[in-house]
Amino acid sequence: NHKLKEFATVEDSKSVASISRENQVRTLSVTAETMEGYNTTLLASDVKKLLDQYKAEDGYTVEISGESTSVNESMVDMVQMIALAIVFIYLVMVAQFQSILSPFIVLFTIPLAFTGGLLALLITGETLSIISMMGFLVLAGVVVNNGIVFVDYANQLRLEGVEKKEALVETGRTRMRPILMTALTTILAMCTMAFSQDASAAMGRGMAIVTIGGLAYATLMTLFIVPVLYDLMFRRELKKVELGDEDNLME
């Protein structure tokens, strides 16, 4: 029998407390906290540029993960959700209007809303975050209401025999108040979150600012842009489709 000390020596030295592996590859994490007043995603972008210039030794790879990666993945998911929401909104409006052109006119209010939301973020100095992206998702479903009200009433007047331009003027005159009132109720509700100093309200401030700016801008533009688009796209006269009774349909 041999003793361990005959062919080995024991020494105290520094070593890692634990060995971590990811996908069967040994990893070592270097962590850092973001100082107050700085944006983690923007800092990660600057670090990424420096890492791209760094050449690691053979067998070693360096990559950024953590909060910035999670935020980027969440942003991609949010953009996909907004795109899917717009598709569903379009399909619902096609079924409602029984038309392809009318939904396109209404959908044009969504870019107007997104423009207003971005302008609101720029004016207030808020950053484009996951919470503010939720505001854009809310806008996609809310802002189309104004366009639907306008286009639907204009179609009703034209089916009753009113000339197109006269129908647009009458729609703007009679539907201005309900359009402004529905937008104002949402804006006032969001103002409590946007101007509140409560810690819980501060988390949703970005969403509130985007909703307020986008809805206010899109509502005003709806009263000008939607009639113009309606006049340009609808060249033909609307025809009312008369469906017979059940007996005629069964024959």
Protein backbone atom coordinates (compact mmCIF):
# COMPACT_ATOMS: atom_id res chain seq x y z
CA ASN A 1 0.00 0.00 0.00
CA HIS A 2 1.22 3.47 -0.89
CA LYS A 3 0.30 6.73 0.72
CA LEU A 4 -0.95 9.71 -1.30
CA LYS A 5 1.88 11.96 -0.11
CA GLU A 6 4.43 9.66 -1.77
CA PHE A 7 3.40 10.75 -5.31
CA ALA A 8 1.25 13.90 -4.81
CA THR A 9 1.47 17.20 -2.97
CA VAL A 10 -1.33 19.30 -1.58
CA GLU A 11 -1.21 23.07 -2.08
CA ASP A 12 -3.68 25.88 -1.33
CA SER A 13 -4.49 27.99 -4.41
CA LYS A 14 -7.30 30.07 -5.93
CA SER A 15 -9.93 28.29 -8.01
CA VAL A 16 -13.50 28.71 -9.18
CA ALA A 17 -16.17 28.00 -6.60
CA SER A 18 -18.20 25.98 -9.08
CA ILE A 19 -18.03 24.75 -12.66
CA SER A 20 -20.94 25.73 -14.91
CA ARG A 21 -21.82 24.12 -18.21
CA GLU A 22 -24.30 25.04 -20.93
CA ASN A 23 -24.99 22.58 -23.76
CA GLN A 24 -22.11 20.44 -22.47
CA VAL A 25 -19.72 23.39 -22.80
CA ARG A 26 -17.96 24.85 -19.78
CA THR A 27 -18.92 28.48 -19.26
CA LEU A 28 -17.74 31.35 -17.09
CA SER A 29 -20.03 34.33 -16.45
CA VAL A 30 -18.83 37.89 -15.99
CA THR A 31 -21.62 40.01 -14.51
CA ALA A 32 -22.11 43.73 -14.11
CA GLU A 33 -24.83 46.07 -12.91
CA THR A 34 -25.97 49.14 -14.81
CA MET A 35 -25.46 52.46 -13.06
CA GLU A 36 -28.50 54.65 -12.51
CA GLY A 37 -29.19 56.89 -15.48
CA TYR A 38 -27.85 54.45 -18.08
CA ASN A 39 -29.72 52.09 -20.38
CA THR A 40 -28.70 48.42 -20.19
CA THR A 41 -29.57 47.65 -23.81
CA LEU A 42 -27.58 50.62 -25.15
CA LEU A 43 -24.58 49.74 -22.98
CA ALA A 44 -24.74 46.12 -24.17
CA SER A 45 -24.68 47.39 -27.75
CA ASP A 46 -21.48 49.35 -27.04
CA VAL A 47 -19.91 46.32 -25.34
CA LYS A 48 -20.90 44.15 -28.32
CA LYS A 49 -18.95 46.45 -30.66
CA LEU A 50 -15.85 46.09 -28.47
CA LEU A 51 -16.23 42.31 -28.26
CA ASP A 52 -16.48 42.08 -32.04
CA GLN A 53 -13.00 43.62 -32.22
CA TYR A 54 -11.62 41.19 -29.62
CA LYS A 55 -10.13 37.96 -30.91
CA ALA A 56 -10.45 35.15 -28.39
CA GLU A 57 -8.01 32.25 -28.28
CA ASP A 58 -8.82 29.05 -30.12
CA GLY A 59 -11.47 27.05 -28.32
CA TYR A 60 -12.95 30.08 -26.56
CA THR A 61 -16.04 32.09 -27.51
CA VAL A 62 -17.43 35.27 -25.98
CA GLU A 63 -21.08 36.28 -26.12
CA ILE A 64 -23.43 38.69 -24.35
CA SER A 65 -26.47 37.39 -22.49
CA GLY A 66 -28.65 38.33 -19.58
CA GLU A 67 -31.02 41.30 -19.45
CA SER A 68 -30.10 42.78 -22.83
CA THR A 69 -30.65 39.45 -24.60
CA SER A 70 -33.99 38.96 -22.86
CA VAL A 71 -35.07 42.47 -23.81
CA ASN A 72 -34.14 41.96 -27.47
CA GLU A 73 -36.00 38.65 -27.62
CA SER A 74 -39.04 40.21 -25.96
CA MET A 75 -38.97 43.09 -28.45
CA VAL A 76 -38.97 40.65 -31.37
CA ASP A 77 -41.89 38.75 -29.82
CA MET A 78 -43.79 41.99 -29.26
CA VAL A 79 -43.32 43.08 -32.90
CA GLN A 80 -44.65 39.70 -34.04
CA MET A 81 -47.66 40.06 -31.73
CA ILE A 82 -48.43 43.51 -33.16
CA ALA A 83 -48.16 42.21 -36.73
CA LEU A 84 -50.46 39.28 -35.90
CA ALA A 85 -52.94 41.63 -34.22
CA ILE A 86 -53.07 43.80 -37.36
CA VAL A 87 -53.79 40.72 -39.50
CA PHE A 88 -56.64 39.65 -37.21
CA ILE A 89 -58.05 43.20 -37.17
CA TYR A 90 -58.03 43.25 -40.97
CA LEU A 91 -59.82 39.90 -41.22
CA VAL A 92 -62.50 41.01 -38.78
CA MET A 93 -63.10 44.23 -40.73
CA VAL A 94 -63.30 42.36 -44.04
CA ALA A 95 -66.13 40.31 -42.55
CA GLN A 96 -67.78 43.44 -41.15
CA PHE A 97 -67.59 45.66 -44.24
CA GLN A 98 -67.89 42.88 -46.83
CA SER A 99 -65.18 44.77 -48.67
CA ILE A 100 -61.41 44.79 -49.17
CA LEU A 101 -60.91 48.55 -49.65
CA SER A 102 -62.71 49.73 -46.53
CA PRO A 103 -60.43 47.83 -44.11
CA PHE A 104 -57.36 49.23 -45.87
CA ILE A 105 -58.60 52.76 -45.23
CA VAL A 106 -59.14 51.99 -41.56
CA LEU A 107 -55.78 50.23 -41.22
CA PHE A 108 -54.04 53.39 -42.43
CA THR A 109 -54.88 54.94 -39.06
CA ILE A 110 -52.50 52.46 -37.36
CA PRO A 111 -49.29 54.00 -38.86
CA LEU A 112 -50.66 57.41 -37.83
CA ALA A 113 -51.11 56.12 -34.28
CA PHE A 114 -47.60 54.62 -34.19
CA THR A 115 -46.18 57.94 -35.42
CA GLY A 116 -47.99 59.79 -32.66
CA GLY A 117 -46.75 57.27 -30.07
CA LEU A 118 -43.13 57.70 -31.17
CA LEU A 119 -43.47 61.48 -31.11
CA ALA A 120 -44.87 61.28 -27.57
CA LEU A 121 -41.88 59.18 -26.45
CA LEU A 122 -39.50 61.66 -28.09
CA ILE A 123 -41.13 64.70 -26.49
CA THR A 124 -41.27 63.18 -23.00
CA GLY A 125 -37.80 61.63 -23.20
CA GLU A 126 -39.07 58.11 -22.47
CA THR A 127 -37.18 55.15 -23.92
CA LEU A 128 -38.63 52.53 -26.24
CA SER A 129 -39.09 49.62 -23.84
CA ILE A 130 -41.17 46.48 -23.56
CA ILE A 131 -43.80 48.40 -21.61
CA SER A 132 -44.02 51.13 -24.27
CA MET A 133 -44.26 48.45 -26.97
CA MET A 134 -47.34 47.17 -25.15
CA GLY A 135 -48.76 50.65 -25.74
CA PHE A 136 -48.35 50.17 -29.48
CA LEU A 137 -50.15 46.83 -29.20
CA VAL A 138 -53.02 48.57 -27.41
CA LEU A 139 -53.09 51.29 -30.07
CA ALA A 140 -53.43 48.76 -32.88
CA GLY A 141 -56.76 47.61 -31.47
CA VAL A 142 -58.11 50.91 -30.17
CA VAL A 143 -57.28 53.42 -32.87
CA VAL A 144 -59.13 51.53 -35.62
CA ASN A 145 -62.42 52.27 -33.85
CA ASN A 146 -62.43 55.85 -35.14
CA GLY A 147 -61.84 54.75 -38.72
CA ILE A 148 -64.53 52.08 -38.49
CA VAL A 149 -67.09 54.61 -37.24
CA PHE A 150 -66.21 57.03 -40.04
CA VAL A 151 -66.11 54.57 -42.94
CA ASP A 152 -69.20 52.65 -41.83
CA TYR A 153 -71.35 55.77 -41.57
CA ALA A 154 -70.06 57.11 -44.91
CA ASN A 155 -71.00 53.80 -46.54
CA GLN A 156 -74.49 53.96 -45.02
CA LEU A 157 -75.07 57.45 -46.41
CA ARG A 158 -73.89 56.47 -49.87
CA LEU A 159 -76.15 53.42 -49.89
CA GLU A 160 -79.02 55.77 -49.15
CA GLY A 161 -78.17 57.70 -52.31
CA VAL A 162 -76.04 60.54 -50.93
CA GLU A 163 -73.22 61.71 -53.24
CA LYS A 164 -69.73 60.63 -52.13
CA LYS A 165 -68.22 64.00 -51.19
CA GLU A 166 -71.41 65.13 -49.54
CA ALA A 167 -71.47 61.88 -47.56
CA LEU A 168 -67.90 62.47 -46.37
CA VAL A 169 -68.69 66.01 -45.23
CA GLU A 170 -71.85 64.86 -43.44
CA THR A 171 -69.95 62.00 -41.79
CA GLY A 172 -67.25 64.36 -40.54
CA ARG A 173 -69.91 66.71 -39.17
CA THR A 174 -72.09 64.14 -37.41
CA ARG A 175 -69.44 61.64 -36.29
CA MET A 176 -66.84 64.13 -35.05
CA ARG A 177 -68.31 64.32 -31.55
CA PRO A 178 -68.50 60.54 -30.87
CA ILE A 179 -65.02 60.04 -32.34
CA LEU A 180 -63.55 62.77 -30.13
CA MET A 181 -65.45 61.58 -27.05
CA THR A 182 -64.35 57.94 -27.35
CA ALA A 183 -60.73 59.03 -27.83
CA LEU A 184 -60.92 61.53 -24.97
CA THR A 185 -62.21 58.95 -22.47
CA THR A 186 -59.25 56.67 -23.18
CA ILE A 187 -56.75 59.55 -23.09
CA LEU A 188 -58.06 60.82 -19.74
CA ALA A 189 -57.94 57.31 -18.28
CA MET A 190 -54.30 56.96 -19.33
CA CYS A 191 -53.39 60.39 -17.98
CA THR A 192 -53.72 59.12 -14.41
CA MET A 193 -50.97 56.60 -15.12
CA ALA A 194 -48.80 58.99 -17.14
CA PHE A 195 -48.71 61.76 -14.52
CA SER A 196 -48.86 59.64 -11.36
CA GLN A 197 -45.77 59.68 -9.14
CA ASP A 198 -46.58 56.30 -7.63
CA ALA A 199 -43.88 53.65 -8.05
CA SER A 200 -46.29 51.11 -9.52
CA ALA A 201 -47.65 53.63 -12.03
CA ALA A 202 -44.11 54.55 -13.12
CA MET A 203 -43.66 51.06 -14.57
CA GLY A 204 -46.57 51.58 -16.97
CA ARG A 205 -45.81 55.21 -17.80
CA GLY A 206 -44.27 54.31 -21.17
CA MET A 207 -47.42 52.46 -22.25
CA ALA A 208 -49.63 55.35 -21.12
CA ILE A 209 -47.55 57.95 -22.98
CA VAL A 210 -47.58 55.92 -26.19
CA THR A 211 -51.34 55.40 -25.97
CA ILE A 212 -52.06 59.06 -25.27
CA GLY A 213 -49.79 60.40 -28.01
CA GLY A 214 -50.82 57.85 -30.60
CA LEU A 215 -54.54 58.14 -29.97
CA ALA A 216 -54.54 61.94 -29.90
CA TYR A 217 -52.50 62.25 -33.10
CA ALA A 218 -54.38 59.53 -34.96
CA THR A 219 -57.80 60.90 -33.95
CA LEU A 220 -57.03 64.34 -35.35
CA MET A 221 -55.49 62.87 -38.50
CA THR A 222 -58.45 60.51 -38.96
CA LEU A 223 -60.76 63.47 -39.54
CA PHE A 224 -58.50 64.64 -42.40
CA ILE A 225 -56.66 61.62 -43.83
CA VAL A 226 -59.45 59.02 -43.84
CA PRO A 227 -61.86 61.17 -45.95
CA VAL A 228 -59.06 61.82 -48.47
CA LEU A 229 -58.24 58.12 -48.75
CA TYR A 230 -61.92 57.25 -48.99
CA ASP A 231 -62.37 59.72 -51.84
CA LEU A 232 -59.31 58.38 -53.69
CA MET A 233 -60.03 54.65 -53.29
CA PHE A 234 -63.79 54.49 -53.78
CA ARG A 235 -64.25 55.34 -57.45
CA ARG A 236 -67.36 53.27 -58.05
CA GLU A 237 -70.78 53.70 -56.57
CA LEU A 238 -71.76 51.40 -53.74
CA LYS A 239 -74.45 48.87 -54.49
CA LYS A 240 -76.62 47.37 -51.80
CA VAL A 241 -76.79 43.60 -51.97
CA GLU A 242 -80.36 42.44 -51.45
CA LEU A 243 -80.72 38.94 -50.04
CA GLY A 244 -83.96 37.15 -50.65
CA ASP A 245 -85.95 35.38 -47.98
CA GLU A 246 -85.23 31.86 -46.93
CA ASP A 247 -87.78 30.39 -49.35
CA ASN A 248 -86.12 32.05 -52.33
CA LEU A 249 -82.70 31.00 -51.16
CA MET A 250 -83.78 27.40 -50.82
CA GLU A 251 -85.19 27.24 -54.35
